[in-house]
C-alpha atoms as a PDB file:
ATOM      1  CA  MET A   1      33.287  -7.291  33.658  1.00  0.00           C
ATOM      2  CA  THR A   2      31.889  -7.396  30.129  1.00  0.00           C
ATOM      3  CA  ARG A   3      34.115  -8.118  27.188  1.00  0.00           C
ATOM      4  CA  SER A   4      33.581  -6.964  23.616  1.00  0.00           C
ATOM      5  CA  GLY A   5      31.043  -9.135  21.828  1.00  0.00           C
ATOM      6  CA  ARG A   6      29.292 -10.236  25.032  1.00  0.00           C
ATOM      7  CA  THR A   7      25.741  -9.253  25.890  1.00  0.00           C
ATOM      8  CA  VAL A   8      24.503  -7.278  28.914  1.00  0.00           C
ATOM      9  CA  ARG A   9      20.884  -7.856  29.971  1.00  0.00           C
ATOM     10  CA  GLY A  10      20.291  -9.566  26.655  1.00  0.00           C
ATOM     11  CA  LEU A  11      21.600  -6.653  24.548  1.00  0.00           C
ATOM     12  CA  ASP A  12      24.727  -6.638  22.440  1.00  0.00           C
ATOM     13  CA  ALA A  13      26.929  -3.546  22.018  1.00  0.00           C
ATOM     14  CA  GLU A  14      24.994  -2.133  19.060  1.00  0.00           C
ATOM     15  CA  GLN A  15      21.658  -2.658  20.771  1.00  0.00           C
ATOM     16  CA  ARG A  16      22.921  -0.934  23.923  1.00  0.00           C
ATOM     17  CA  ARG A  17      24.099   1.991  21.800  1.00  0.00           C
ATOM     18  CA  ALA A  18      20.674   2.221  20.154  1.00  0.00           C
ATOM     19  CA  GLN A  19      18.994   2.088  23.567  1.00  0.00           C
ATOM     20  CA  ARG A  20      21.190   4.904  24.912  1.00  0.00           C
ATOM     21  CA  ARG A  21      20.355   6.998  21.863  1.00  0.00           C
ATOM     22  CA  ALA A  22      16.637   6.382  22.314  1.00  0.00           C
ATOM     23  CA  ASP A  23      16.864   7.268  26.011  1.00  0.00           C
ATOM     24  CA  LEU A  24      18.744  10.497  25.263  1.00  0.00           C
ATOM     25  CA  LEU A  25      16.228  11.567  22.622  1.00  0.00           C
ATOM     26  CA  ALA A  26      13.306  10.801  24.942  1.00  0.00           C
ATOM     27  CA  ALA A  27      14.936  12.899  27.678  1.00  0.00           C
ATOM     28  CA  ALA A  28      15.666  15.690  25.194  1.00  0.00           C
ATOM     29  CA  LEU A  29      12.029  15.728  24.064  1.00  0.00           C
ATOM     30  CA  THR A  30      10.811  16.130  27.628  1.00  0.00           C
ATOM     31  CA  LEU A  31      13.363  18.764  28.615  1.00  0.00           C
ATOM     32  CA  PHE A  32      13.263  20.813  25.405  1.00  0.00           C
ATOM     33  CA  GLY A  33       9.484  20.701  25.498  1.00  0.00           C
ATOM     34  CA  ARG A  34       9.319  21.931  29.093  1.00  0.00           C
ATOM     35  CA  LYS A  35      12.204  24.387  29.240  1.00  0.00           C
ATOM     36  CA  GLY A  36      13.205  25.227  25.691  1.00  0.00           C
ATOM     37  CA  PHE A  37      16.376  24.358  23.804  1.00  0.00           C
ATOM     38  CA  ALA A  38      18.577  27.142  25.187  1.00  0.00           C
ATOM     39  CA  ALA A  39      17.787  26.413  28.841  1.00  0.00           C
ATOM     40  CA  VAL A  40      18.766  22.733  28.809  1.00  0.00           C
ATOM     41  CA  PRO A  41      22.447  21.771  29.246  1.00  0.00           C
ATOM     42  CA  ILE A  42      23.804  18.494  27.931  1.00  0.00           C
ATOM     43  CA  GLU A  43      24.475  17.327  31.479  1.00  0.00           C
ATOM     44  CA  GLU A  44      20.780  17.555  32.339  1.00  0.00           C
ATOM     45  CA  ILE A  45      19.835  15.502  29.279  1.00  0.00           C
ATOM     46  CA  CYS A  46      22.325  12.836  30.351  1.00  0.00           C
ATOM     47  CA  GLN A  47      21.132  12.824  33.959  1.00  0.00           C
ATOM     48  CA  THR A  48      17.495  12.508  32.893  1.00  0.00           C
ATOM     49  CA  ALA A  49      18.335   9.660  30.510  1.00  0.00           C
ATOM     50  CA  TYR A  50      20.703   7.951  33.006  1.00  0.00           C
ATOM     51  CA  VAL A  51      23.397   8.046  30.326  1.00  0.00           C
ATOM     52  CA  GLY A  52      26.961   9.246  30.847  1.00  0.00           C
ATOM     53  CA  THR A  53      28.251  12.406  29.177  1.00  0.00           C
ATOM     54  CA  LYS A  54      30.931  10.364  27.414  1.00  0.00           C
ATOM     55  CA  SER A  55      28.244   8.184  25.850  1.00  0.00           C
ATOM     56  CA  PHE A  56      26.364  11.315  24.766  1.00  0.00           C
ATOM     57  CA  TYR A  57      29.359  12.538  22.780  1.00  0.00           C
ATOM     58  CA  GLU A  58      29.809   9.111  21.245  1.00  0.00           C
ATOM     59  CA  LEU A  59      26.348   9.580  19.739  1.00  0.00           C
ATOM     60  CA  PHE A  60      26.058  13.342  19.168  1.00  0.00           C
ATOM     61  CA  ASP A  61      28.669  15.996  18.433  1.00  0.00           C
ATOM     62  CA  SER A  62      26.716  18.698  20.257  1.00  0.00           C
ATOM     63  CA  LYS A  63      23.385  19.641  21.788  1.00  0.00           C
ATOM     64  CA  GLU A  64      22.371  20.999  18.374  1.00  0.00           C
ATOM     65  CA  ALA A  65      23.087  17.578  16.815  1.00  0.00           C
ATOM     66  CA  CYS A  66      20.908  15.965  19.474  1.00  0.00           C
ATOM     67  CA  TYR A  67      18.106  18.423  18.779  1.00  0.00           C
ATOM     68  CA  LEU A  68      18.380  17.857  15.030  1.00  0.00           C
ATOM     69  CA  ALA A  69      18.195  14.076  15.508  1.00  0.00           C
ATOM     70  CA  LEU A  70      15.103  14.549  17.690  1.00  0.00           C
ATOM     71  CA  PHE A  71      13.546  16.951  15.183  1.00  0.00           C
ATOM     72  CA  GLU A  72      14.083  14.488  12.327  1.00  0.00           C
ATOM     73  CA  GLN A  73      12.696  11.598  14.375  1.00  0.00           C
ATOM     74  CA  LEU A  74       9.519  13.534  15.193  1.00  0.00           C
ATOM     75  CA  ALA A  75       9.111  14.814  11.636  1.00  0.00           C
ATOM     76  CA  ASP A  76       9.626  11.350  10.141  1.00  0.00           C
ATOM     77  CA  ASP A  77       7.097   9.842  12.539  1.00  0.00           C
ATOM     78  CA  LEU A  78       4.540  12.506  11.600  1.00  0.00           C
ATOM     79  CA  LEU A  79       5.260  11.902   7.910  1.00  0.00           C
ATOM     80  CA  VAL A  80       4.549   8.173   8.272  1.00  0.00           C
ATOM     81  CA  ARG A  81       1.340   8.838  10.198  1.00  0.00           C
ATOM     82  CA  MET A  82       0.052  11.302   7.614  1.00  0.00           C
ATOM     83  CA  ARG A  83       0.852   8.983   4.704  1.00  0.00           C
ATOM     84  CA  THR A  84      -1.060   6.251   6.499  1.00  0.00           C
ATOM     85  CA  ALA A  85      -3.964   8.611   7.138  1.00  0.00           C
ATOM     86  CA  LEU A  86      -4.020   9.655   3.474  1.00  0.00           C
ATOM     87  CA  ALA A  87      -4.019   6.019   2.328  1.00  0.00           C
ATOM     88  CA  GLU A  88      -6.830   5.117   4.727  1.00  0.00           C
ATOM     89  CA  ALA A  89      -8.837   8.329   4.486  1.00  0.00           C
ATOM     90  CA  GLY A  90     -12.444   7.859   3.578  1.00  0.00           C
ATOM     91  CA  GLY A  91     -13.293  11.511   4.075  1.00  0.00           C
ATOM     92  CA  GLY A  92     -12.078  14.779   2.656  1.00  0.00           C
ATOM     93  CA  ILE A  93      -9.237  17.193   3.222  1.00  0.00           C
ATOM     94  CA  GLU A  94     -10.718  18.513   6.450  1.00  0.00           C
ATOM     95  CA  ASP A  95     -10.614  15.014   7.917  1.00  0.00           C
ATOM     96  CA  LEU A  96      -6.887  14.924   7.146  1.00  0.00           C
ATOM     97  CA  ILE A  97      -6.401  18.319   8.800  1.00  0.00           C
ATOM     98  CA  GLU A  98      -8.070  16.982  11.932  1.00  0.00           C
ATOM     99  CA  THR A  99      -5.950  13.823  11.818  1.00  0.00           C
ATOM    100  CA  PHE A 100      -2.815  15.933  11.426  1.00  0.00           C
ATOM    101  CA  ALA A 101      -3.710  18.196  14.358  1.00  0.00           C
ATOM    102  CA  ARG A 102      -4.721  15.402  16.725  1.00  0.00           C
ATOM    103  CA  THR A 103      -1.667  13.316  15.828  1.00  0.00           C
ATOM    104  CA  LEU A 104       0.605  16.293  16.350  1.00  0.00           C
ATOM    105  CA  VAL A 105      -0.743  17.302  19.751  1.00  0.00           C
ATOM    106  CA  ALA A 106      -1.196  13.796  21.172  1.00  0.00           C
ATOM    107  CA  ASP A 107       2.022  14.505  23.078  1.00  0.00           C
ATOM    108  CA  PRO A 108       2.153  18.282  23.814  1.00  0.00           C
ATOM    109  CA  MET A 109       5.957  18.168  23.893  1.00  0.00           C
ATOM    110  CA  VAL A 110       6.092  17.314  20.179  1.00  0.00           C
ATOM    111  CA  PRO A 111       4.579  20.522  18.757  1.00  0.00           C
ATOM    112  CA  ARG A 112       6.538  22.586  21.280  1.00  0.00           C
ATOM    113  CA  VAL A 113       9.798  21.148  20.010  1.00  0.00           C
ATOM    114  CA  VAL A 114       8.908  21.014  16.302  1.00  0.00           C
ATOM    115  CA  PHE A 115       7.039  24.324  16.001  1.00  0.00           C
ATOM    116  CA  GLY A 116       7.762  26.363  19.095  1.00  0.00           C
ATOM    117  CA  GLN A 117      11.563  26.229  19.049  1.00  0.00           C
ATOM    118  CA  SER A 118      12.990  25.002  15.753  1.00  0.00           C
ATOM    119  CA  ALA A 119      13.306  28.410  14.092  1.00  0.00           C
ATOM    120  CA  GLY A 120      15.713  29.691  16.723  1.00  0.00           C
ATOM    121  CA  VAL A 121      18.107  26.782  17.182  1.00  0.00           C
ATOM    122  CA  SER A 122      20.583  27.124  14.297  1.00  0.00           C
ATOM    123  CA  PRO A 123      20.850  27.675  10.528  1.00  0.00           C
ATOM    124  CA  THR A 124      21.170  23.901  10.052  1.00  0.00           C
ATOM    125  CA  VAL A 125      17.921  23.257  11.892  1.00  0.00           C
ATOM    126  CA  GLU A 126      16.261  26.101  10.008  1.00  0.00           C
ATOM    127  CA  ARG A 127      17.205  24.474   6.690  1.00  0.00           C
ATOM    128  CA  ARG A 128      15.757  21.173   7.896  1.00  0.00           C
ATOM    129  CA  ARG A 129      12.589  22.966   9.016  1.00  0.00           C
ATOM    130  CA  ARG A 130      12.183  24.496   5.553  1.00  0.00           C
ATOM    131  CA  GLU A 131      12.700  21.111   3.940  1.00  0.00           C
ATOM    132  CA  ASN A 132       9.853  19.794   6.077  1.00  0.00           C
ATOM    133  CA  ARG A 133       7.634  22.666   4.978  1.00  0.00           C
ATOM    134  CA  ARG A 134       8.354  21.941   1.334  1.00  0.00           C
ATOM    135  CA  TRP A 135       7.484  18.287   1.903  1.00  0.00           C
ATOM    136  CA  ALA A 136       4.269  19.299   3.685  1.00  0.00           C
ATOM    137  CA  ALA A 137       3.409  21.635   0.797  1.00  0.00           C
ATOM    138  CA  GLY A 138       3.892  18.755  -1.619  1.00  0.00           C
ATOM    139  CA  PHE A 139       1.598  16.638   0.544  1.00  0.00           C
ATOM    140  CA  VAL A 140      -1.087  19.355   0.501  1.00  0.00           C
ATOM    141  CA  GLU A 141      -0.747  19.751  -3.257  1.00  0.00           C
ATOM    142  CA  ALA A 142      -1.138  15.996  -3.767  1.00  0.00           C
ATOM    143  CA  VAL A 143      -4.258  15.925  -1.575  1.00  0.00           C
ATOM    144  CA  TRP A 144      -5.778  18.877  -3.415  1.00  0.00           C
ATOM    145  CA  ARG A 145      -5.216  17.188  -6.754  1.00  0.00           C
ATOM    146  CA  GLN A 146      -6.612  13.917  -5.406  1.00  0.00           C
ATOM    147  CA  HIS A 147      -9.787  15.814  -4.467  1.00  0.00           C
ATOM    148  CA  GLY A 148     -10.181  17.479  -7.834  1.00  0.00           C
ATOM    149  CA  VAL A 149      -8.470  20.851  -7.403  1.00  0.00           C
ATOM    150  CA  ILE A 150      -6.950  21.772 -10.758  1.00  0.00           C
ATOM    151  CA  ALA A 151      -4.569  24.682 -11.275  1.00  0.00           C
ATOM    152  CA  PRO A 152      -1.273  25.419 -13.042  1.00  0.00           C
ATOM    153  CA  ASP A 153       1.603  23.589 -11.332  1.00  0.00           C
ATOM    154  CA  ARG A 154       3.487  26.709 -10.288  1.00  0.00           C
ATOM    155  CA  GLU A 155       0.418  28.451  -8.881  1.00  0.00           C
ATOM    156  CA  ILE A 156      -0.869  25.510  -6.887  1.00  0.00           C
ATOM    157  CA  ARG A 157       2.611  24.803  -5.509  1.00  0.00           C
ATOM    158  CA  THR A 158       3.050  28.417  -4.381  1.00  0.00           C
ATOM    159  CA  ILE A 159      -0.353  28.456  -2.724  1.00  0.00           C
ATOM    160  CA  ALA A 160       0.374  25.105  -1.029  1.00  0.00           C
ATOM    161  CA  ILE A 161       3.626  26.475   0.448  1.00  0.00           C
ATOM    162  CA  ALA A 162       1.816  29.586   1.714  1.00  0.00           C
ATOM    163  CA  THR A 163      -0.991  27.458   3.154  1.00  0.00           C
ATOM    164  CA  VAL A 164       1.399  25.193   5.040  1.00  0.00           C
ATOM    165  CA  GLY A 165       3.213  28.217   6.466  1.00  0.00           C
ATOM    166  CA  ALA A 166      -0.061  29.703   7.668  1.00  0.00           C
ATOM    167  CA  LEU A 167      -1.261  26.427   9.209  1.00  0.00           C
ATOM    168  CA  PHE A 168       2.053  25.992  11.015  1.00  0.00           C
ATOM    169  CA  GLU A 169       1.782  29.553  12.335  1.00  0.00           C
ATOM    170  CA  LEU A 170      -1.697  28.773  13.665  1.00  0.00           C
ATOM    171  CA  ILE A 171      -0.177  25.847  15.555  1.00  0.00           C
ATOM    172  CA  THR A 172       2.591  28.080  16.929  1.00  0.00           C
ATOM    173  CA  ASP A 173       0.088  30.719  18.089  1.00  0.00           C
ATOM    174  CA  TRP A 174      -2.042  28.005  19.679  1.00  0.00           C
ATOM    175  CA  LEU A 175       0.994  26.779  21.613  1.00  0.00           C
ATOM    176  CA  PHE A 176       1.867  30.239  22.888  1.00  0.00           C
ATOM    177  CA  ASP A 177      -1.753  30.797  23.925  1.00  0.00           C
ATOM    178  CA  GLY A 178      -1.622  27.746  26.163  1.00  0.00           C
ATOM    179  CA  GLY A 179      -2.352  24.906  23.747  1.00  0.00           C
ATOM    180  CA  GLU A 180      -5.302  23.422  25.618  1.00  0.00           C
ATOM    181  CA  ASP A 181      -8.337  23.357  23.291  1.00  0.00           C
ATOM    182  CA  VAL A 182      -7.436  21.096  20.367  1.00  0.00           C
ATOM    183  CA  ASP A 183     -10.902  21.488  18.833  1.00  0.00           C
ATOM    184  CA  GLU A 184     -10.360  25.250  18.663  1.00  0.00           C
ATOM    185  CA  LEU A 185      -7.072  24.710  16.823  1.00  0.00           C
ATOM    186  CA  ILE A 186      -8.706  22.296  14.382  1.00  0.00           C
ATOM    187  CA  GLY A 187     -11.523  24.777  13.787  1.00  0.00           C
ATOM    188  CA  GLN A 188      -9.041  27.545  12.966  1.00  0.00           C
ATOM    189  CA  MET A 189      -7.067  25.335  10.595  1.00  0.00           C
ATOM    190  CA  VAL A 190     -10.179  24.060   8.813  1.00  0.00           C
ATOM    191  CA  ALA A 191     -11.604  27.590   8.481  1.00  0.00           C
ATOM    192  CA  TYR A 192      -8.359  28.858   6.973  1.00  0.00           C
ATOM    193  CA  HIS A 193      -8.184  25.958   4.554  1.00  0.00           C
ATOM    194  CA  ARG A 194     -11.770  26.557   3.426  1.00  0.00           C
ATOM    195  CA  ILE A 195     -10.901  30.150   2.563  1.00  0.00           C
ATOM    196  CA  VAL A 196      -7.811  29.082   0.614  1.00  0.00           C
ATOM    197  CA  ARG A 197      -9.674  26.301  -1.182  1.00  0.00           C
ATOM    198  CA  ALA A 198     -12.533  28.625  -2.145  1.00  0.00           C
ATOM    199  CA  GLY A 199     -10.102  31.229  -3.435  1.00  0.00           C
ATOM    200  CA  LEU A 200      -8.129  28.652  -5.383  1.00  0.00           C
ATOM    201  CA  GLU A 201     -11.239  27.168  -6.979  1.00  0.00           C
ATOM    202  CA  SER A 202     -12.666  30.585  -7.887  1.00  0.00           C
ATOM    203  CA  THR A 203      -9.348  31.528  -9.498  1.00  0.00           C
ATOM    204  CA  VAL A 204      -9.334  28.324 -11.519  1.00  0.00           C
ATOM    205  CA  ASP A 205     -12.983  28.889 -12.568  1.00  0.00           C
ATOM    206  CA  GLY A 206     -12.079  32.394 -13.642  1.00  0.00           C
ATOM    207  CA  VAL A 207      -9.187  31.160 -15.761  1.00  0.00           C
ATOM    208  CA  ILE A 208     -11.357  28.506 -17.381  1.00  0.00           C
ATOM    209  CA  SER A 209     -14.194  30.990 -18.115  1.00  0.00           C
ATOM    210  CA  ARG A 210     -11.789  33.335 -19.895  1.00  0.00           C
ATOM    211  CA  ARG A 211     -10.557  30.626 -22.241  1.00  0.00           C
END
């Protein structure tokens, strides 16, 4: 018997709780990635994680809450990786696009959960997904400005949002087509960005020439 305040296998109560949460999210990633959100019952997540259903509900109010926690964990991890890549980048924007794509698809389950399913889970998840897109648009805008793209704030922000949406849709299409050739995905994303960048720069040149 273990009393409150004692450790089990070197872990105290809070550490065991954190471990159960991590195990549940890892199981959810695998199952949601393979089967889709709707097809996975809570009981299967618990069985895969070797965690009791009671412990699940001590951590998450529902399967949606579990998915949202997983979604935020994956998005936050990607955010950290991209900030690191931006700080360390010695190349241009296309190098960052490649870093983004390769980081994202390193574990195929991640893009399936983040891009392939998030739109259909719930309004709460959809709001979180849109928040992520706005952050990604801000990231793109910052990179453009860092590389010398100059345009009115409102215009460049609108174009950044549209660009992020298009790039995310390319990822979604790639997933539904089988998601095997990462180089093909990178090529599509880079080609799209080149078109957007050329259009943005020509628009800016046109505005400047008319002044």
